[in-house]
Amino acid sequence: MNNKDDIRILTERFFNGDTTIEEEKRLYRLYQGDDVPQDLQVYREMMLDMAAIGVEECTATVEPEAIVIPIWKRPLFRWIAAVVALVVIGGGATLFMHNSEEECVAYIYGEKVTDHNVVMNELSQTAMSMANGLEDDDVAQQLDEMFN
């Protein structure tokens, strides 16, 4: 066989994952020469890069002592998750407690009033004075039932 046939066969075996380390070294040497067919020129830079790296470095294996710990089992992640959970629960509880309290606010004659009884009394008087101007007794009765 000549170099062009060898480079074609070895390139095909390389991309199928069937080459040995010795065959890969030979393939890299063939791509460094001038006998590379035109249709295989697209692989030349990759093969030259692989030759520069070296076959041994490309086939390195993971050491058996390497242990991968999932992120959710790491202590720092657990602390961060606990803090985030506390902030979310605490913030939600604070918002819920704040929103669950009934707040009664009215501006009477330009002053802010928060006393529930004063606000309701003023609202009742205003509604009654509006209803008294109407000739419909049902409106006055409904307002009276609503505020008293």
C-alpha atoms as a PDB file:
ATOM      1  CA  MET A   1       0.000   0.000   0.000  1.00  0.00           C
ATOM      2  CA  ASN A   2       1.077   3.555  -0.554  1.00  0.00           C
ATOM      3  CA  ASN A   3       0.782   6.474   1.859  1.00  0.00           C
ATOM      4  CA  LYS A   4      -2.454   7.797   0.280  1.00  0.00           C
ATOM      5  CA  ASP A   5      -4.185   4.454   0.767  1.00  0.00           C
ATOM      6  CA  ASP A   6      -2.793   4.179   4.304  1.00  0.00           C
ATOM      7  CA  ILE A   7      -3.964   7.661   5.265  1.00  0.00           C
ATOM      8  CA  ARG A   8      -7.471   6.972   3.925  1.00  0.00           C
ATOM      9  CA  ILE A   9      -7.785   3.661   5.757  1.00  0.00           C
ATOM     10  CA  LEU A  10      -6.316   4.993   9.009  1.00  0.00           C
ATOM     11  CA  THR A  11      -8.484   8.151   8.879  1.00  0.00           C
ATOM     12  CA  GLU A  12     -11.616   6.046   8.470  1.00  0.00           C
ATOM     13  CA  ARG A  13     -10.555   3.734  11.302  1.00  0.00           C
ATOM     14  CA  PHE A  14      -9.682   6.793  13.452  1.00  0.00           C
ATOM     15  CA  PHE A  15     -13.172   8.299  13.095  1.00  0.00           C
ATOM     16  CA  ASN A  16     -14.751   4.917  13.809  1.00  0.00           C
ATOM     17  CA  GLY A  17     -12.672   4.659  16.987  1.00  0.00           C
ATOM     18  CA  ASP A  18     -10.877   1.515  15.823  1.00  0.00           C
ATOM     19  CA  THR A  19      -7.258   2.714  15.762  1.00  0.00           C
ATOM     20  CA  THR A  20      -4.568   1.670  18.189  1.00  0.00           C
ATOM     21  CA  ILE A  21      -2.165   4.187  19.713  1.00  0.00           C
ATOM     22  CA  GLU A  22       0.564   3.093  17.282  1.00  0.00           C
ATOM     23  CA  GLU A  23      -1.787   3.546  14.311  1.00  0.00           C
ATOM     24  CA  GLU A  24      -2.752   7.014  15.550  1.00  0.00           C
ATOM     25  CA  LYS A  25       0.910   8.008  15.820  1.00  0.00           C
ATOM     26  CA  ARG A  26       1.464   6.779  12.248  1.00  0.00           C
ATOM     27  CA  LEU A  27      -1.644   8.657  11.071  1.00  0.00           C
ATOM     28  CA  TYR A  28      -0.372  11.900  12.600  1.00  0.00           C
ATOM     29  CA  ARG A  29       2.998  11.401  10.865  1.00  0.00           C
ATOM     30  CA  LEU A  30       1.219  10.803   7.531  1.00  0.00           C
ATOM     31  CA  TYR A  31      -0.745  14.045   7.893  1.00  0.00           C
ATOM     32  CA  GLN A  32       2.536  15.906   8.466  1.00  0.00           C
ATOM     33  CA  GLY A  33       3.760  14.754   5.038  1.00  0.00           C
ATOM     34  CA  ASP A  34       2.899  15.987   1.551  1.00  0.00           C
ATOM     35  CA  ASP A  35       0.922  12.891   0.439  1.00  0.00           C
ATOM     36  CA  VAL A  36      -2.413  13.946   2.029  1.00  0.00           C
ATOM     37  CA  PRO A  37      -5.219  13.588  -0.535  1.00  0.00           C
ATOM     38  CA  GLN A  38      -7.176  16.748  -1.369  1.00  0.00           C
ATOM     39  CA  ASP A  39     -10.469  15.456   0.119  1.00  0.00           C
ATOM     40  CA  LEU A  40      -8.722  14.760   3.473  1.00  0.00           C
ATOM     41  CA  GLN A  41      -7.090  18.203   3.725  1.00  0.00           C
ATOM     42  CA  VAL A  42     -10.008  19.343   5.932  1.00  0.00           C
ATOM     43  CA  TYR A  43      -8.686  17.014   8.677  1.00  0.00           C
ATOM     44  CA  ARG A  44      -5.050  18.108   8.388  1.00  0.00           C
ATOM     45  CA  GLU A  45      -5.132  20.883  11.050  1.00  0.00           C
ATOM     46  CA  MET A  46      -6.961  18.627  13.510  1.00  0.00           C
ATOM     47  CA  MET A  47      -4.451  15.818  13.024  1.00  0.00           C
ATOM     48  CA  LEU A  48      -1.501  18.204  13.367  1.00  0.00           C
ATOM     49  CA  ASP A  49      -3.031  19.528  16.600  1.00  0.00           C
ATOM     50  CA  MET A  50      -3.508  15.994  17.875  1.00  0.00           C
ATOM     51  CA  ALA A  51       0.119  15.231  17.031  1.00  0.00           C
ATOM     52  CA  ALA A  52       1.233  18.332  18.954  1.00  0.00           C
ATOM     53  CA  ILE A  53      -0.754  17.271  22.004  1.00  0.00           C
ATOM     54  CA  GLY A  54       0.470  13.698  21.887  1.00  0.00           C
ATOM     55  CA  VAL A  55      -1.497  10.471  21.968  1.00  0.00           C
ATOM     56  CA  GLU A  56      -0.628   9.689  25.580  1.00  0.00           C
ATOM     57  CA  GLU A  57      -2.179  12.941  26.790  1.00  0.00           C
ATOM     58  CA  CYS A  58      -5.379  12.315  24.804  1.00  0.00           C
ATOM     59  CA  THR A  59      -5.844   8.851  26.278  1.00  0.00           C
ATOM     60  CA  ALA A  60      -5.294   9.819  29.911  1.00  0.00           C
ATOM     61  CA  THR A  61      -7.593   8.085  32.343  1.00  0.00           C
ATOM     62  CA  VAL A  62      -9.230   9.349  35.500  1.00  0.00           C
ATOM     63  CA  GLU A  63      -7.487   8.352  38.670  1.00  0.00           C
ATOM     64  CA  PRO A  64      -9.490   5.820  40.721  1.00  0.00           C
ATOM     65  CA  GLU A  65      -9.281   8.065  43.811  1.00  0.00           C
ATOM     66  CA  ALA A  66     -11.288  10.801  42.123  1.00  0.00           C
ATOM     67  CA  ILE A  67     -14.623  11.117  43.891  1.00  0.00           C
ATOM     68  CA  VAL A  68     -17.357  13.325  42.514  1.00  0.00           C
ATOM     69  CA  ILE A  69     -19.664  14.773  45.152  1.00  0.00           C
ATOM     70  CA  PRO A  70     -22.997  16.093  43.869  1.00  0.00           C
ATOM     71  CA  ILE A  71     -23.506  19.762  44.644  1.00  0.00           C
ATOM     72  CA  TRP A  72     -26.561  19.162  46.853  1.00  0.00           C
ATOM     73  CA  LYS A  73     -24.443  16.976  49.154  1.00  0.00           C
ATOM     74  CA  ARG A  74     -21.737  19.586  49.706  1.00  0.00           C
ATOM     75  CA  PRO A  75     -21.813  21.339  53.115  1.00  0.00           C
ATOM     76  CA  LEU A  76     -21.546  24.870  51.707  1.00  0.00           C
ATOM     77  CA  PHE A  77     -24.482  24.261  49.368  1.00  0.00           C
ATOM     78  CA  ARG A  78     -26.560  22.937  52.265  1.00  0.00           C
ATOM     79  CA  TRP A  79     -25.805  26.040  54.351  1.00  0.00           C
ATOM     80  CA  ILE A  80     -26.709  28.349  51.479  1.00  0.00           C
ATOM     81  CA  ALA A  81     -29.916  26.400  50.820  1.00  0.00           C
ATOM     82  CA  ALA A  82     -30.863  26.597  54.511  1.00  0.00           C
ATOM     83  CA  VAL A  83     -30.250  30.353  54.641  1.00  0.00           C
ATOM     84  CA  VAL A  84     -32.261  30.915  51.453  1.00  0.00           C
ATOM     85  CA  ALA A  85     -35.104  28.779  52.809  1.00  0.00           C
ATOM     86  CA  LEU A  86     -35.150  30.737  56.070  1.00  0.00           C
ATOM     87  CA  VAL A  87     -35.183  34.063  54.235  1.00  0.00           C
ATOM     88  CA  VAL A  88     -38.017  32.956  51.965  1.00  0.00           C
ATOM     89  CA  ILE A  89     -40.088  31.489  54.789  1.00  0.00           C
ATOM     90  CA  GLY A  90     -39.385  34.416  57.116  1.00  0.00           C
ATOM     91  CA  GLY A  91     -40.128  36.985  54.430  1.00  0.00           C
ATOM     92  CA  GLY A  92     -43.318  35.212  53.429  1.00  0.00           C
ATOM     93  CA  ALA A  93     -44.481  34.955  57.029  1.00  0.00           C
ATOM     94  CA  THR A  94     -43.730  38.630  57.611  1.00  0.00           C
ATOM     95  CA  LEU A  95     -45.668  39.656  54.533  1.00  0.00           C
ATOM     96  CA  PHE A  96     -48.549  37.365  55.456  1.00  0.00           C
ATOM     97  CA  MET A  97     -48.677  38.688  59.023  1.00  0.00           C
ATOM     98  CA  HIS A  98     -48.505  42.276  57.799  1.00  0.00           C
ATOM     99  CA  ASN A  99     -51.246  41.752  55.221  1.00  0.00           C
ATOM    100  CA  SER A 100     -53.482  39.767  57.540  1.00  0.00           C
ATOM    101  CA  GLU A 101     -53.817  42.680  59.976  1.00  0.00           C
ATOM    102  CA  GLU A 102     -56.757  44.881  59.107  1.00  0.00           C
ATOM    103  CA  GLU A 103     -55.691  48.436  58.769  1.00  0.00           C
ATOM    104  CA  CYS A 104     -58.168  51.249  58.790  1.00  0.00           C
ATOM    105  CA  VAL A 105     -56.918  54.555  57.406  1.00  0.00           C
ATOM    106  CA  ALA A 106     -58.820  57.675  56.392  1.00  0.00           C
ATOM    107  CA  TYR A 107     -57.891  61.268  55.777  1.00  0.00           C
ATOM    108  CA  ILE A 108     -60.471  63.378  57.557  1.00  0.00           C
ATOM    109  CA  TYR A 109     -60.175  67.115  56.957  1.00  0.00           C
ATOM    110  CA  GLY A 110     -56.576  66.607  55.764  1.00  0.00           C
ATOM    111  CA  GLU A 111     -55.418  64.555  58.759  1.00  0.00           C
ATOM    112  CA  LYS A 112     -54.546  60.874  58.706  1.00  0.00           C
ATOM    113  CA  VAL A 113     -56.749  58.903  61.105  1.00  0.00           C
ATOM    114  CA  THR A 114     -56.137  55.207  61.867  1.00  0.00           C
ATOM    115  CA  ASP A 115     -58.593  54.661  64.731  1.00  0.00           C
ATOM    116  CA  HIS A 116     -61.116  52.132  63.463  1.00  0.00           C
ATOM    117  CA  ASN A 117     -64.060  53.555  65.414  1.00  0.00           C
ATOM    118  CA  VAL A 118     -63.427  57.155  64.304  1.00  0.00           C
ATOM    119  CA  VAL A 119     -63.042  56.152  60.657  1.00  0.00           C
ATOM    120  CA  MET A 120     -66.184  54.003  60.633  1.00  0.00           C
ATOM    121  CA  ASN A 121     -68.195  56.699  62.436  1.00  0.00           C
ATOM    122  CA  GLU A 122     -67.115  59.357  59.907  1.00  0.00           C
ATOM    123  CA  LEU A 123     -67.855  57.016  56.992  1.00  0.00           C
ATOM    124  CA  SER A 124     -71.282  56.204  58.411  1.00  0.00           C
ATOM    125  CA  GLN A 125     -72.153  59.886  58.915  1.00  0.00           C
ATOM    126  CA  THR A 126     -71.013  60.783  55.402  1.00  0.00           C
ATOM    127  CA  ALA A 127     -72.978  57.921  53.857  1.00  0.00           C
ATOM    128  CA  MET A 128     -76.083  58.814  55.881  1.00  0.00           C
ATOM    129  CA  SER A 129     -75.910  62.464  54.885  1.00  0.00           C
ATOM    130  CA  MET A 130     -75.698  61.363  51.251  1.00  0.00           C
ATOM    131  CA  ALA A 131     -78.635  58.988  51.719  1.00  0.00           C
ATOM    132  CA  ASN A 132     -80.738  61.652  53.470  1.00  0.00           C
ATOM    133  CA  GLY A 133     -80.504  63.774  50.383  1.00  0.00           C
ATOM    134  CA  LEU A 134     -82.035  60.924  48.392  1.00  0.00           C
ATOM    135  CA  GLU A 135     -85.713  60.189  48.529  1.00  0.00           C
ATOM    136  CA  ASP A 136     -85.141  56.446  48.479  1.00  0.00           C
ATOM    137  CA  ASP A 137     -85.472  55.021  52.007  1.00  0.00           C
ATOM    138  CA  ASP A 138     -83.971  51.676  50.934  1.00  0.00           C
ATOM    139  CA  VAL A 139     -80.511  53.247  50.434  1.00  0.00           C
ATOM    140  CA  ALA A 140     -80.597  54.845  53.877  1.00  0.00           C
ATOM    141  CA  GLN A 141     -81.705  51.576  55.454  1.00  0.00           C
ATOM    142  CA  GLN A 142     -78.977  49.578  53.682  1.00  0.00           C
ATOM    143  CA  LEU A 143     -76.296  52.052  54.754  1.00  0.00           C
ATOM    144  CA  ASP A 144     -77.564  51.979  58.302  1.00  0.00           C
ATOM    145  CA  GLU A 145     -77.431  48.168  58.348  1.00  0.00           C
ATOM    146  CA  MET A 146     -73.973  48.155  56.840  1.00  0.00           C
ATOM    147  CA  PHE A 147     -72.340  50.557  59.304  1.00  0.00           C
ATOM    148  CA  ASN A 148     -74.293  49.882  62.501  1.00  0.00           C
END
